[in-house]
C-alpha atoms as a PDB file:
ATOM      1  CA  UNK A   1     191.196  98.974 102.853  1.00  0.00           C
ATOM      2  CA  UNK A   2     188.020  97.102 103.856  1.00  0.00           C
ATOM      3  CA  UNK A   3     188.049  95.228 107.120  1.00  0.00           C
ATOM      4  CA  UNK A   4     186.464  91.787 106.856  1.00  0.00           C
ATOM      5  CA  UNK A   5     184.810  90.162 109.897  1.00  0.00           C
ATOM      6  CA  UNK A   6     187.082  87.098 110.189  1.00  0.00           C
ATOM      7  CA  UNK A   7     190.782  86.372 110.405  1.00  0.00           C
ATOM      8  CA  UNK A   8     192.684  86.778 107.077  1.00  0.00           C
ATOM      9  CA  UNK A   9     193.587  83.394 105.541  1.00  0.00           C
ATOM     10  CA  UNK A  10     197.313  83.169 104.992  1.00  0.00           C
ATOM     11  CA  UNK A  11     196.861  81.567 101.535  1.00  0.00           C
ATOM     12  CA  UNK A  12     195.807  84.557  99.418  1.00  0.00           C
ATOM     13  CA  UNK A  13     195.876  82.757  96.099  1.00  0.00           C
ATOM     14  CA  UNK A  14     194.578  79.214  95.627  1.00  0.00           C
ATOM     15  CA  UNK A  15     195.768  77.425  92.508  1.00  0.00           C
ATOM     16  CA  UNK A  16     194.574  73.976  91.265  1.00  0.00           C
ATOM     17  CA  UNK A  17     196.230  72.783  88.059  1.00  0.00           C
ATOM     18  CA  UNK A  18     193.934  71.006  85.627  1.00  0.00           C
ATOM     19  CA  UNK A  19     193.241  70.372  81.906  1.00  0.00           C
ATOM     20  CA  UNK A  20     190.545  72.185  79.993  1.00  0.00           C
ATOM     21  CA  UNK A  21     188.512  70.570  77.224  1.00  0.00           C
ATOM     22  CA  UNK A  22     186.092  72.396  74.895  1.00  0.00           C
ATOM     23  CA  UNK A  23     182.485  71.657  75.923  1.00  0.00           C
ATOM     24  CA  UNK A  24     179.052  72.048  74.386  1.00  0.00           C
ATOM     25  CA  UNK A  25     175.900  71.297  76.322  1.00  0.00           C
ATOM     26  CA  UNK A  26     172.207  71.234  75.323  1.00  0.00           C
ATOM     27  CA  UNK A  27     169.857  72.816  77.894  1.00  0.00           C
ATOM     28  CA  UNK A  28     166.229  71.900  78.158  1.00  0.00           C
ATOM     29  CA  UNK A  29     163.567  74.548  78.486  1.00  0.00           C
ATOM     30  CA  UNK A  30     160.889  74.480  81.245  1.00  0.00           C
ATOM     31  CA  UNK A  31     163.370  73.758  84.057  1.00  0.00           C
ATOM     32  CA  UNK A  32     165.086  76.240  86.381  1.00  0.00           C
ATOM     33  CA  UNK A  33     168.418  77.133  84.839  1.00  0.00           C
ATOM     34  CA  UNK A  34     170.443  75.441  87.578  1.00  0.00           C
ATOM     35  CA  UNK A  35     168.543  72.194  87.137  1.00  0.00           C
ATOM     36  CA  UNK A  36     168.850  72.336  83.350  1.00  0.00           C
ATOM     37  CA  UNK A  37     172.611  72.887  83.545  1.00  0.00           C
ATOM     38  CA  UNK A  38     173.011  70.161  86.184  1.00  0.00           C
ATOM     39  CA  UNK A  39     171.086  67.662  84.058  1.00  0.00           C
ATOM     40  CA  UNK A  40     173.055  68.464  80.904  1.00  0.00           C
ATOM     41  CA  UNK A  41     176.350  68.215  82.866  1.00  0.00           C
ATOM     42  CA  UNK A  42     175.443  64.793  84.358  1.00  0.00           C
ATOM     43  CA  UNK A  43     174.538  63.480  80.965  1.00  0.00           C
ATOM     44  CA  UNK A  44     177.920  64.581  79.594  1.00  0.00           C
ATOM     45  CA  UNK A  45     179.824  63.306  82.691  1.00  0.00           C
ATOM     46  CA  UNK A  46     180.972  66.783  83.662  1.00  0.00           C
ATOM     47  CA  UNK A  47     181.436  67.733  87.314  1.00  0.00           C
ATOM     48  CA  UNK A  48     183.423  71.010  86.945  1.00  0.00           C
ATOM     49  CA  UNK A  49     183.346  73.592  84.135  1.00  0.00           C
ATOM     50  CA  UNK A  50     183.401  77.165  83.023  1.00  0.00           C
ATOM     51  CA  UNK A  51     180.334  77.839  80.910  1.00  0.00           C
ATOM     52  CA  UNK A  52     179.343  80.663  78.535  1.00  0.00           C
ATOM     53  CA  UNK A  53     175.755  81.650  78.018  1.00  0.00           C
ATOM     54  CA  UNK A  54     174.991  83.862  74.965  1.00  0.00           C
ATOM     55  CA  UNK A  55     171.754  85.142  73.428  1.00  0.00           C
ATOM     56  CA  UNK A  56     169.363  82.981  75.475  1.00  0.00           C
ATOM     57  CA  UNK A  57     165.722  83.879  75.755  1.00  0.00           C
ATOM     58  CA  UNK A  58     164.032  83.557  79.166  1.00  0.00           C
ATOM     59  CA  UNK A  59     160.414  83.495  80.342  1.00  0.00           C
ATOM     60  CA  UNK A  60     161.779  84.715  83.697  1.00  0.00           C
ATOM     61  CA  UNK A  61     165.242  85.865  84.813  1.00  0.00           C
ATOM     62  CA  UNK A  62     166.147  86.480  88.420  1.00  0.00           C
ATOM     63  CA  UNK A  63     169.237  88.340  89.606  1.00  0.00           C
ATOM     64  CA  UNK A  64     170.697  90.541  92.336  1.00  0.00           C
ATOM     65  CA  UNK A  65     173.142  93.428  92.414  1.00  0.00           C
ATOM     66  CA  UNK A  66     175.497  94.695  95.104  1.00  0.00           C
ATOM     67  CA  UNK A  67     173.908  96.344  98.143  1.00  0.00           C
ATOM     68  CA  UNK A  68     175.148  98.132 101.272  1.00  0.00           C
ATOM     69  CA  UNK A  69     176.624  96.041 104.114  1.00  0.00           C
ATOM     70  CA  UNK A  70     173.997  94.252 106.258  1.00  0.00           C
ATOM     71  CA  UNK A  71     175.353  95.482 109.573  1.00  0.00           C
ATOM     72  CA  UNK A  72     176.773  92.163 110.790  1.00  0.00           C
ATOM     73  CA  UNK A  73     180.431  92.925 110.009  1.00  0.00           C
ATOM     74  CA  UNK A  74     180.392  91.808 106.417  1.00  0.00           C
ATOM     75  CA  UNK A  75     181.640  94.528 103.999  1.00  0.00           C
ATOM     76  CA  UNK A  76     178.891  94.098 101.367  1.00  0.00           C
ATOM     77  CA  UNK A  77     175.713  92.281 100.559  1.00  0.00           C
ATOM     78  CA  UNK A  78     173.145  91.549  97.802  1.00  0.00           C
ATOM     79  CA  UNK A  79     170.008  93.482  96.865  1.00  0.00           C
ATOM     80  CA  UNK A  80     166.581  91.945  96.937  1.00  0.00           C
ATOM     81  CA  UNK A  81     166.026  89.600  94.036  1.00  0.00           C
ATOM     82  CA  UNK A  82     164.889  91.298  90.852  1.00  0.00           C
ATOM     83  CA  UNK A  83     162.825  89.356  88.320  1.00  0.00           C
ATOM     84  CA  UNK A  84     162.493  90.183  84.620  1.00  0.00           C
ATOM     85  CA  UNK A  85     159.788  88.638  82.352  1.00  0.00           C
ATOM     86  CA  UNK A  86     160.566  88.103  78.682  1.00  0.00           C
ATOM     87  CA  UNK A  87     164.313  88.750  79.225  1.00  0.00           C
ATOM     88  CA  UNK A  88     167.306  87.852  77.105  1.00  0.00           C
ATOM     89  CA  UNK A  89     170.676  86.838  78.440  1.00  0.00           C
ATOM     90  CA  UNK A  90     173.092  88.838  76.227  1.00  0.00           C
ATOM     91  CA  UNK A  91     176.142  87.175  77.743  1.00  0.00           C
ATOM     92  CA  UNK A  92     176.937  85.489  81.007  1.00  0.00           C
ATOM     93  CA  UNK A  93     179.741  83.406  82.460  1.00  0.00           C
ATOM     94  CA  UNK A  94     179.506  80.881  85.220  1.00  0.00           C
ATOM     95  CA  UNK A  95     181.505  78.409  87.210  1.00  0.00           C
ATOM     96  CA  UNK A  96     179.877  74.969  87.660  1.00  0.00           C
ATOM     97  CA  UNK A  97     181.198  73.405  90.796  1.00  0.00           C
ATOM     98  CA  UNK A  98     180.650  70.401  92.953  1.00  0.00           C
ATOM     99  CA  UNK A  99     177.074  69.020  93.175  1.00  0.00           C
ATOM    100  CA  UNK A 100     175.823  71.426  90.526  1.00  0.00           C
ATOM    101  CA  UNK A 101     176.750  74.574  92.492  1.00  0.00           C
ATOM    102  CA  UNK A 102     176.770  77.648  90.249  1.00  0.00           C
ATOM    103  CA  UNK A 103     178.222  81.134  90.472  1.00  0.00           C
ATOM    104  CA  UNK A 104     177.161  83.326  87.471  1.00  0.00           C
ATOM    105  CA  UNK A 105     177.500  87.006  86.445  1.00  0.00           C
ATOM    106  CA  UNK A 106     176.131  88.463  83.249  1.00  0.00           C
ATOM    107  CA  UNK A 107     174.399  91.059  81.221  1.00  0.00           C
ATOM    108  CA  UNK A 108     170.736  90.785  80.095  1.00  0.00           C
ATOM    109  CA  UNK A 109     167.990  92.882  78.665  1.00  0.00           C
ATOM    110  CA  UNK A 110     164.377  93.174  79.718  1.00  0.00           C
ATOM    111  CA  UNK A 111     161.318  92.953  77.522  1.00  0.00           C
ATOM    112  CA  UNK A 112     161.712  96.628  76.560  1.00  0.00           C
ATOM    113  CA  UNK A 113     165.412  96.138  75.588  1.00  0.00           C
ATOM    114  CA  UNK A 114     166.998  97.974  78.586  1.00  0.00           C
ATOM    115  CA  UNK A 115     170.278  96.515  79.701  1.00  0.00           C
ATOM    116  CA  UNK A 116     170.861  95.114  83.249  1.00  0.00           C
ATOM    117  CA  UNK A 117     173.795  93.362  84.930  1.00  0.00           C
ATOM    118  CA  UNK A 118     174.278  91.384  88.080  1.00  0.00           C
ATOM    119  CA  UNK A 119     174.643  88.055  89.832  1.00  0.00           C
ATOM    120  CA  UNK A 120     172.351  85.532  88.168  1.00  0.00           C
ATOM    121  CA  UNK A 121     169.955  83.541  90.343  1.00  0.00           C
ATOM    122  CA  UNK A 122     169.678  80.338  88.226  1.00  0.00           C
ATOM    123  CA  UNK A 123     167.112  78.704  90.512  1.00  0.00           C
ATOM    124  CA  UNK A 124     164.717  81.540  89.504  1.00  0.00           C
ATOM    125  CA  UNK A 125     165.652  81.745  85.834  1.00  0.00           C
ATOM    126  CA  UNK A 126     163.839  79.704  83.136  1.00  0.00           C
ATOM    127  CA  UNK A 127     164.698  79.423  79.443  1.00  0.00           C
ATOM    128  CA  UNK A 128     161.874  79.926  77.014  1.00  0.00           C
ATOM    129  CA  UNK A 129     163.285  77.387  74.568  1.00  0.00           C
ATOM    130  CA  UNK A 130     166.026  74.717  74.415  1.00  0.00           C
ATOM    131  CA  UNK A 131     169.530  76.122  73.869  1.00  0.00           C
ATOM    132  CA  UNK A 132     173.145  75.209  73.318  1.00  0.00           C
ATOM    133  CA  UNK A 133     175.830  76.651  75.574  1.00  0.00           C
ATOM    134  CA  UNK A 134     179.599  76.334  75.324  1.00  0.00           C
ATOM    135  CA  UNK A 135     182.559  76.349  77.669  1.00  0.00           C
ATOM    136  CA  UNK A 136     185.381  74.391  79.087  1.00  0.00           C
ATOM    137  CA  UNK A 137     185.200  71.070  80.937  1.00  0.00           C
ATOM    138  CA  UNK A 138     187.730  70.697  83.701  1.00  0.00           C
ATOM    139  CA  UNK A 139     189.793  67.597  84.398  1.00  0.00           C
ATOM    140  CA  UNK A 140     191.792  67.556  87.628  1.00  0.00           C
ATOM    141  CA  UNK A 141     190.090  70.394  89.586  1.00  0.00           C
ATOM    142  CA  UNK A 142     186.757  71.931  90.459  1.00  0.00           C
ATOM    143  CA  UNK A 143     185.228  74.467  92.800  1.00  0.00           C
ATOM    144  CA  UNK A 144     183.636  73.408  96.044  1.00  0.00           C
ATOM    145  CA  UNK A 145     181.313  75.787  97.995  1.00  0.00           C
ATOM    146  CA  UNK A 146     182.336  76.210 101.662  1.00  0.00           C
ATOM    147  CA  UNK A 147     181.712  78.834 104.420  1.00  0.00           C
ATOM    148  CA  UNK A 148     184.612  81.333 104.406  1.00  0.00           C
ATOM    149  CA  UNK A 149     185.366  82.671 107.902  1.00  0.00           C
ATOM    150  CA  UNK A 150     187.369  85.658 106.589  1.00  0.00           C
ATOM    151  CA  UNK A 151     184.533  87.208 104.596  1.00  0.00           C
ATOM    152  CA  UNK A 152     181.485  85.630 106.326  1.00  0.00           C
ATOM    153  CA  UNK A 153     180.101  84.259 102.995  1.00  0.00           C
ATOM    154  CA  UNK A 154     179.784  80.760 101.498  1.00  0.00           C
ATOM    155  CA  UNK A 155     182.268  80.878  98.622  1.00  0.00           C
ATOM    156  CA  UNK A 156     183.867  78.693  96.036  1.00  0.00           C
ATOM    157  CA  UNK A 157     187.217  77.223  96.946  1.00  0.00           C
ATOM    158  CA  UNK A 158     189.517  75.202  94.676  1.00  0.00           C
ATOM    159  CA  UNK A 159     189.643  71.416  95.026  1.00  0.00           C
ATOM    160  CA  UNK A 160     191.977  69.041  93.259  1.00  0.00           C
ATOM    161  CA  UNK A 161     191.126  65.596  92.073  1.00  0.00           C
ATOM    162  CA  UNK A 162     192.905  62.883  90.017  1.00  0.00           C
ATOM    163  CA  UNK A 163     192.929  63.585  86.291  1.00  0.00           C
ATOM    164  CA  UNK A 164     191.237  61.094  84.020  1.00  0.00           C
ATOM    165  CA  UNK A 165     192.665  62.192  80.646  1.00  0.00           C
ATOM    166  CA  UNK A 166     196.081  63.000  79.341  1.00  0.00           C
ATOM    167  CA  UNK A 167     194.749  65.359  76.663  1.00  0.00           C
ATOM    168  CA  UNK A 168     193.315  68.908  76.967  1.00  0.00           C
ATOM    169  CA  UNK A 169     194.887  72.307  77.358  1.00  0.00           C
ATOM    170  CA  UNK A 170     197.002  73.030  80.443  1.00  0.00           C
ATOM    171  CA  UNK A 171     194.855  75.213  82.823  1.00  0.00           C
ATOM    172  CA  UNK A 172     194.589  76.426  86.349  1.00  0.00           C
ATOM    173  CA  UNK A 173     191.564  76.974  88.462  1.00  0.00           C
ATOM    174  CA  UNK A 174     192.189  79.992  90.753  1.00  0.00           C
ATOM    175  CA  UNK A 175     190.523  81.731  93.628  1.00  0.00           C
ATOM    176  CA  UNK A 176     191.806  85.123  94.824  1.00  0.00           C
ATOM    177  CA  UNK A 177     191.151  86.404  98.339  1.00  0.00           C
ATOM    178  CA  UNK A 178     190.368  90.038  99.275  1.00  0.00           C
ATOM    179  CA  UNK A 179     192.645  92.932  98.677  1.00  0.00           C
ATOM    180  CA  UNK A 180     194.673  91.488  95.772  1.00  0.00           C
ATOM    181  CA  UNK A 181     194.925  93.849  92.767  1.00  0.00           C
ATOM    182  CA  UNK A 182     193.294  91.738  90.000  1.00  0.00           C
ATOM    183  CA  UNK A 183     195.099  92.523  86.766  1.00  0.00           C
ATOM    184  CA  UNK A 184     198.708  92.578  88.172  1.00  0.00           C
ATOM    185  CA  UNK A 185     198.014  89.396  90.118  1.00  0.00           C
ATOM    186  CA  UNK A 186     196.811  87.598  87.004  1.00  0.00           C
ATOM    187  CA  UNK A 187     199.710  89.004  84.941  1.00  0.00           C
ATOM    188  CA  UNK A 188     202.143  87.481  87.509  1.00  0.00           C
ATOM    189  CA  UNK A 189     200.383  84.092  87.132  1.00  0.00           C
ATOM    190  CA  UNK A 190     200.270  84.088  83.352  1.00  0.00           C
ATOM    191  CA  UNK A 191     202.531  83.262  80.457  1.00  0.00           C
ATOM    192  CA  UNK A 192     202.404  84.356  76.823  1.00  0.00           C
ATOM    193  CA  UNK A 193     199.034  83.386  75.412  1.00  0.00           C
ATOM    194  CA  UNK A 194     197.262  82.736  78.728  1.00  0.00           C
ATOM    195  CA  UNK A 195     193.500  83.194  78.400  1.00  0.00           C
ATOM    196  CA  UNK A 196     191.637  84.702  81.426  1.00  0.00           C
ATOM    197  CA  UNK A 197     188.056  83.594  82.125  1.00  0.00           C
ATOM    198  CA  UNK A 198     186.116  84.367  85.327  1.00  0.00           C
ATOM    199  CA  UNK A 199     184.177  86.620  87.577  1.00  0.00           C
ATOM    200  CA  UNK A 200     184.363  88.218  90.976  1.00  0.00           C
ATOM    201  CA  UNK A 201     183.853  91.376  93.077  1.00  0.00           C
ATOM    202  CA  UNK A 202     186.092  94.482  93.391  1.00  0.00           C
ATOM    203  CA  UNK A 203     186.337  97.372  95.856  1.00  0.00           C
ATOM    204  CA  UNK A 204     184.956  99.639  93.161  1.00  0.00           C
ATOM    205  CA  UNK A 205     185.927  99.308  89.494  1.00  0.00           C
ATOM    206  CA  UNK A 206     188.349 101.704  87.818  1.00  0.00           C
ATOM    207  CA  UNK A 207     188.369 101.967  83.994  1.00  0.00           C
ATOM    208  CA  UNK A 208     190.836 103.412  81.565  1.00  0.00           C
ATOM    209  CA  UNK A 209     188.246 105.960  80.486  1.00  0.00           C
ATOM    210  CA  UNK A 210     185.246 107.341  82.331  1.00  0.00           C
ATOM    211  CA  UNK A 211     184.438 107.710  85.973  1.00  0.00           C
ATOM    212  CA  UNK A 212     185.171 104.891  88.367  1.00  0.00           C
ATOM    213  CA  UNK A 213     182.328 102.779  89.615  1.00  0.00           C
ATOM    214  CA  UNK A 214     182.123 103.274  93.428  1.00  0.00           C
ATOM    215  CA  UNK A 215     182.244 100.492  96.000  1.00  0.00           C
ATOM    216  CA  UNK A 216     182.313  99.178  98.639  1.00  0.00           C
ATOM    217  CA  UNK A 217     181.592  96.286  96.284  1.00  0.00           C
ATOM    218  CA  UNK A 218     181.114  96.001  92.525  1.00  0.00           C
ATOM    219  CA  UNK A 219     180.646  92.764  90.584  1.00  0.00           C
ATOM    220  CA  UNK A 220     182.533  91.930  87.407  1.00  0.00           C
ATOM    221  CA  UNK A 221     182.648  89.516  84.510  1.00  0.00           C
ATOM    222  CA  UNK A 222     185.708  89.294  82.280  1.00  0.00           C
ATOM    223  CA  UNK A 223     184.691  89.772  78.719  1.00  0.00           C
ATOM    224  CA  UNK A 224     188.019  89.966  76.937  1.00  0.00           C
ATOM    225  CA  UNK A 225     191.686  90.793  77.178  1.00  0.00           C
ATOM    226  CA  UNK A 226     194.718  92.269  75.416  1.00  0.00           C
ATOM    227  CA  UNK A 227     197.581  90.254  76.851  1.00  0.00           C
ATOM    228  CA  UNK A 228     197.239  90.994  80.613  1.00  0.00           C
ATOM    229  CA  UNK A 229     194.829  93.946  80.200  1.00  0.00           C
ATOM    230  CA  UNK A 230     191.274  92.993  81.057  1.00  0.00           C
ATOM    231  CA  UNK A 231     188.040  94.117  79.453  1.00  0.00           C
ATOM    232  CA  UNK A 232     185.235  93.710  81.955  1.00  0.00           C
ATOM    233  CA  UNK A 233     181.586  94.330  82.523  1.00  0.00           C
ATOM    234  CA  UNK A 234     180.825  95.729  85.997  1.00  0.00           C
ATOM    235  CA  UNK A 235     177.842  96.737  88.073  1.00  0.00           C
ATOM    236  CA  UNK A 236     177.490  98.508  91.434  1.00  0.00           C
ATOM    237  CA  UNK A 237     174.656  99.501  93.778  1.00  0.00           C
ATOM    238  CA  UNK A 238     172.974 101.743  91.203  1.00  0.00           C
ATOM    239  CA  UNK A 239     172.416  98.741  88.883  1.00  0.00           C
ATOM    240  CA  UNK A 240     173.870 100.349  85.807  1.00  0.00           C
ATOM    241  CA  UNK A 241     176.079  98.053  83.651  1.00  0.00           C
ATOM    242  CA  UNK A 242     179.454  99.456  82.642  1.00  0.00           C
ATOM    243  CA  UNK A 243     182.114  98.049  80.334  1.00  0.00           C
ATOM    244  CA  UNK A 244     185.768  99.005  79.777  1.00  0.00           C
ATOM    245  CA  UNK A 245     189.459  98.208  80.266  1.00  0.00           C
ATOM    246  CA  UNK A 246     190.477  98.012  83.823  1.00  0.00           C
ATOM    247  CA  UNK A 247     193.032 100.597  84.825  1.00  0.00           C
ATOM    248  CA  UNK A 248     194.761 101.615  88.068  1.00  0.00           C
ATOM    249  CA  UNK A 249     194.216  99.634  91.172  1.00  0.00           C
ATOM    250  CA  UNK A 250     191.236  97.185  91.279  1.00  0.00           C
ATOM    251  CA  UNK A 251     191.382  95.167  94.444  1.00  0.00           C
ATOM    252  CA  UNK A 252     189.292  92.076  95.062  1.00  0.00           C
ATOM    253  CA  UNK A 253     186.443  92.730  97.478  1.00  0.00           C
ATOM    254  CA  UNK A 254     185.051  89.262  98.431  1.00  0.00           C
ATOM    255  CA  UNK A 255     186.411  86.845  95.884  1.00  0.00           C
ATOM    256  CA  UNK A 256     187.624  86.362  92.328  1.00  0.00           C
ATOM    257  CA  UNK A 257     187.129  82.903  90.746  1.00  0.00           C
ATOM    258  CA  UNK A 258     189.100  82.404  87.618  1.00  0.00           C
ATOM    259  CA  UNK A 259     190.082  79.875  84.936  1.00  0.00           C
ATOM    260  CA  UNK A 260     193.440  80.446  83.283  1.00  0.00           C
ATOM    261  CA  UNK A 261     194.010  78.473  80.103  1.00  0.00           C
ATOM    262  CA  UNK A 262     197.500  78.338  78.647  1.00  0.00           C
ATOM    263  CA  UNK A 263     197.331  78.375  74.884  1.00  0.00           C
END
């Protein structure tokens, strides 16, 4: 088990009940992606959401992948920023939090068509043309970025607020702390028909078929599910994108940030 630099928080699972409403936003080209998303969200009156980005062309796309620990007690770190020109976002998911804060993981291709995966840097990513994106607007909860003493990183934490609407699907915004086994933890929190959306990092990724992806940290994006089984995309320090059903033990490394929607 990895040893994080700070004291373990006693609350291992944060849960903020909310309501989820289908959402569609129009993004302008020419702006950094974080500013384009923030502008579209403000115009729609949205201050918390899960957003899905599919088939978006970019003049520039910036991202990082997991890297070895920096030597200051933290168990993992990020690589230097990688920049692709003429890239295409195949699929990406992101949490939009307080004040336009974004945490995004995804899969993209470069100008030659080679696939990459990582943690998107939206401030260094520009769309080449306007685009529509979809997702879920949250009413009653949102993520707020705060420094986390346990891991030594600024991380999203759940925050509740008064609901404005009585409609929408029942949902829960969830943050998992380190060492929790992802799929069994979500299964224990779900009911029949619960939909899992989200991203995070694992202490290596273990699939039902194929070799495991070694840690100490891998990043994941949930792409699908079969009841409580999770189909994920994952990337480690070698930068190669992998996809498959999670199997065996897959413990959270730094954080997992999730939206559970009860159908």
